């Protein structure tokens, strides 16, 4: 439970593999689950996880094999003073996996605001972000989220699924990226099993 309205440094690798919910303390003030989050109205009800993203430990990231996490009502924001982020703001792995048994499973982002920039249109290439949410794995969900300002001088994605067996649920989200808003199947490394 994170207090609404406060700013926290990023939670680096989430290492637990048991069912866990990470959510705002003002959960009851968010729109109902069937609605998309509205940052203009609901910002005060969200804690902000601020990250620089310049290395793998400075992102909201799940460890290999993590399962049954719900992330509800968080504002995941890139520090706009940080330089280029080569990967995802939120990611499923700490390293590249090679076995399907290492996929993350049952990870759900519900009514989160993922913000890659500051809302302006003048983004220097050195402050870019390639991916908002990397949704690799099995049985993963992005529902009612607002993902904006995901931009890069190369192929950026609001939501990316590089590999995984699914199923996935991507429902009622606002996606804004300078490349693809949604990309599935972009992995170049083999996964067996």
Protein backbone atom coordinates (compact mmCIF):
# COMPACT_ATOMS: atom_id res chain seq x y z
CA UNK A 1 0.00 0.00 0.00
CA UNK A 2 1.58 3.29 -1.12
CA UNK A 3 0.23 6.62 0.17
CA UNK A 4 -1.49 8.62 -2.57
CA UNK A 5 0.08 11.89 -3.67
CA UNK A 6 3.65 11.10 -2.57
CA UNK A 7 6.70 10.48 -4.79
CA UNK A 8 8.89 7.42 -4.27
CA UNK A 9 12.07 6.19 -5.89
CA UNK A 10 11.53 3.22 -8.17
CA UNK A 11 11.02 -0.27 -6.80
CA UNK A 12 13.91 -2.12 -8.42
CA UNK A 13 13.50 -5.88 -8.93
CA UNK A 14 10.36 -7.20 -7.28
CA UNK A 15 11.78 -10.44 -5.89
CA UNK A 16 8.78 -12.10 -4.28
CA UNK A 17 7.01 -14.79 -6.25
CA UNK A 18 3.87 -15.05 -4.11
CA UNK A 19 0.55 -13.30 -4.83
CA UNK A 20 0.96 -9.63 -3.97
CA UNK A 21 -0.90 -6.37 -4.66
CA UNK A 22 0.89 -3.04 -4.97
CA UNK A 23 -1.69 -0.26 -4.93
CA UNK A 24 -2.53 3.27 -3.99
CA UNK A 25 -3.92 3.98 -0.52
CA UNK A 26 -6.71 5.93 -2.27
CA UNK A 27 -7.90 2.88 -4.18
CA UNK A 28 -11.55 3.59 -3.38
CA UNK A 29 -11.27 7.05 -5.01
CA UNK A 30 -10.22 5.70 -8.42
CA UNK A 31 -12.77 5.14 -11.17
CA UNK A 32 -14.41 1.74 -11.06
CA UNK A 33 -12.42 -1.12 -12.59
CA UNK A 34 -14.41 -1.04 -15.83
CA UNK A 35 -13.24 2.55 -16.56
CA UNK A 36 -9.94 3.91 -17.82
CA UNK A 37 -7.94 6.00 -15.38
CA UNK A 38 -8.04 9.77 -16.01
CA UNK A 39 -4.75 11.44 -15.00
CA UNK A 40 -6.32 14.92 -15.05
CA UNK A 41 -8.79 13.96 -12.34
CA UNK A 42 -7.12 11.08 -10.50
CA UNK A 43 -3.49 12.20 -10.09
CA UNK A 44 -4.10 13.18 -6.46
CA UNK A 45 -5.15 9.59 -5.71
CA UNK A 46 -1.97 8.04 -7.11
CA UNK A 47 1.47 7.63 -5.57
CA UNK A 48 4.23 8.40 -8.08
CA UNK A 49 7.13 6.03 -8.64
CA UNK A 50 9.82 8.21 -10.21
CA UNK A 51 12.73 6.57 -11.96
CA UNK A 52 15.71 7.54 -14.05
CA UNK A 53 15.86 4.26 -16.01
CA UNK A 54 19.50 4.58 -16.97
CA UNK A 55 20.31 1.05 -15.86
CA UNK A 56 18.45 -2.20 -15.26
CA UNK A 57 18.10 -1.60 -11.51
CA UNK A 58 16.34 1.73 -11.93
CA UNK A 59 13.04 0.56 -13.37
CA UNK A 60 9.86 -1.07 -12.14
CA UNK A 61 10.85 -4.64 -12.90
CA UNK A 62 9.74 -8.15 -12.01
CA UNK A 63 12.28 -10.95 -11.58
CA UNK A 64 12.28 -14.02 -13.77
CA UNK A 65 9.42 -16.35 -12.82
CA UNK A 66 7.48 -13.78 -10.76
CA UNK A 67 3.76 -14.43 -10.70
CA UNK A 68 0.45 -13.16 -9.36
CA UNK A 69 1.15 -9.45 -8.95
CA UNK A 70 -1.48 -6.73 -9.22
CA UNK A 71 -0.26 -3.17 -9.71
CA UNK A 72 -3.22 -0.85 -9.14
CA UNK A 73 -3.52 2.93 -9.33
CA UNK A 74 0.17 3.87 -9.55
CA UNK A 75 1.74 6.73 -11.49
CA UNK A 76 4.91 5.30 -13.04
CA UNK A 77 6.88 8.29 -14.28
CA UNK A 78 10.22 8.72 -16.00
CA UNK A 79 12.41 11.43 -14.53
CA UNK A 80 12.61 13.82 -17.48
CA UNK A 81 16.13 14.89 -16.47
CA UNK A 82 17.32 11.32 -17.13
CA UNK A 83 18.95 10.31 -20.37
CA UNK A 84 17.80 7.76 -22.95
CA UNK A 85 16.24 4.57 -21.57
CA UNK A 86 17.10 1.65 -23.86
CA UNK A 87 14.43 -0.70 -22.52
CA UNK A 88 11.04 -0.60 -20.88
CA UNK A 89 9.85 1.58 -18.03
CA UNK A 90 8.15 -1.49 -16.60
CA UNK A 91 9.51 -4.88 -17.48
CA UNK A 92 9.01 -8.52 -16.74
CA UNK A 93 12.62 -9.74 -16.46
CA UNK A 94 15.98 -8.86 -15.01
CA UNK A 95 17.80 -10.80 -17.75
CA UNK A 96 16.97 -12.32 -21.11
CA UNK A 97 15.22 -15.65 -20.54
CA UNK A 98 15.66 -18.81 -22.57
CA UNK A 99 13.13 -21.17 -20.91
CA UNK A 100 9.35 -20.77 -21.04
CA UNK A 101 9.19 -21.90 -17.40
CA UNK A 102 10.87 -18.59 -16.48
CA UNK A 103 8.07 -16.44 -17.91
CA UNK A 104 6.30 -14.10 -15.54
CA UNK A 105 2.66 -15.05 -15.10
CA UNK A 106 -0.53 -13.40 -13.93
CA UNK A 107 0.86 -9.85 -13.78
CA UNK A 108 -1.86 -7.20 -13.93
CA UNK A 109 -1.56 -3.43 -14.42
CA UNK A 110 -4.91 -1.91 -13.48
CA UNK A 111 -5.72 1.81 -13.80
CA UNK A 112 -2.08 2.93 -13.80
CA UNK A 113 -0.69 6.06 -15.41
CA UNK A 114 2.56 5.35 -17.25
CA UNK A 115 4.22 8.64 -18.24
CA UNK A 116 7.39 8.70 -20.30
CA UNK A 117 7.72 12.47 -20.76
CA UNK A 118 6.49 15.74 -19.37
CA UNK A 119 3.61 16.27 -21.80
CA UNK A 120 5.42 18.69 -24.09
CA UNK A 121 6.12 18.03 -27.74
CA UNK A 122 9.80 19.02 -27.70
CA UNK A 123 11.55 15.83 -26.67
CA UNK A 124 15.34 15.72 -27.03
CA UNK A 125 16.55 12.35 -28.32
CA UNK A 126 18.76 11.97 -25.25
CA UNK A 127 15.68 11.82 -23.00
CA UNK A 128 13.80 9.14 -24.93
CA UNK A 129 12.03 6.00 -23.71
CA UNK A 130 11.68 2.93 -25.93
CA UNK A 131 8.83 1.05 -24.22
CA UNK A 132 6.15 1.88 -21.68
CA UNK A 133 5.12 -1.61 -20.56
CA UNK A 134 6.85 -4.80 -21.65
CA UNK A 135 4.18 -7.46 -21.18
CA UNK A 136 6.18 -10.62 -21.92
CA UNK A 137 5.04 -13.85 -20.28
CA UNK A 138 1.75 -15.65 -19.73
CA UNK A 139 -1.68 -14.58 -18.48
CA UNK A 140 -0.72 -10.91 -18.21
CA UNK A 141 -3.11 -7.95 -18.22
CA UNK A 142 -3.06 -4.20 -18.90
CA UNK A 143 -6.51 -2.78 -18.11
CA UNK A 144 -7.78 0.78 -17.82
CA UNK A 145 -4.30 2.33 -18.00
CA UNK A 146 -3.17 5.65 -19.48
CA UNK A 147 0.20 5.22 -21.23
CA UNK A 148 1.58 8.41 -22.75
CA UNK A 149 4.72 10.17 -23.98
CA UNK A 150 6.56 7.02 -25.00
CA UNK A 151 8.95 8.32 -27.62
CA UNK A 152 12.36 7.54 -29.05
CA UNK A 153 14.49 8.25 -32.09
CA UNK A 154 13.95 4.58 -32.96
CA UNK A 155 11.03 2.17 -32.71
CA UNK A 156 9.10 3.07 -29.51
CA UNK A 157 6.10 1.15 -28.17
CA UNK A 158 3.47 1.94 -25.53
CA UNK A 159 2.96 -1.82 -24.93
CA UNK A 160 5.32 -4.49 -26.25
CA UNK A 161 5.02 -8.27 -26.10
CA UNK A 162 8.33 -9.71 -27.26
CA UNK A 163 7.62 -13.30 -26.33
CA UNK A 164 5.26 -15.44 -24.30
CA UNK A 165 2.50 -17.95 -24.74
CA UNK A 166 -0.36 -15.72 -23.59
CA UNK A 167 -3.16 -15.29 -23.19
CA UNK A 168 -3.05 -11.52 -22.76
CA UNK A 169 -5.78 -9.05 -21.98
CA UNK A 170 -5.22 -5.46 -23.12
CA UNK A 171 -8.47 -3.66 -22.45
CA UNK A 172 -9.68 -0.05 -22.43
CA UNK A 173 -6.28 1.68 -22.39
CA UNK A 174 -5.07 5.00 -23.75
CA UNK A 175 -1.85 4.33 -25.69
CA UNK A 176 0.35 7.13 -27.06
CA UNK A 177 3.75 6.35 -28.55
CA UNK A 178 5.80 7.90 -31.32
CA UNK A 179 6.23 4.43 -32.88
CA UNK A 180 3.75 1.60 -32.44
CA UNK A 181 1.16 1.88 -29.74
CA UNK A 182 1.08 -1.92 -29.49
CA UNK A 183 3.61 -4.42 -30.84
CA UNK A 184 3.53 -8.18 -30.45
CA UNK A 185 6.25 -10.61 -31.50
CA UNK A 186 9.35 -8.43 -31.47
CA UNK A 187 11.72 -10.85 -29.71
CA UNK A 188 14.86 -11.96 -31.51
CA UNK A 189 16.05 -14.61 -29.06
CA UNK A 190 14.74 -18.20 -28.80
CA UNK A 191 12.74 -19.52 -25.83
CA UNK A 192 12.40 -23.27 -25.41
CA UNK A 193 10.01 -25.43 -23.43
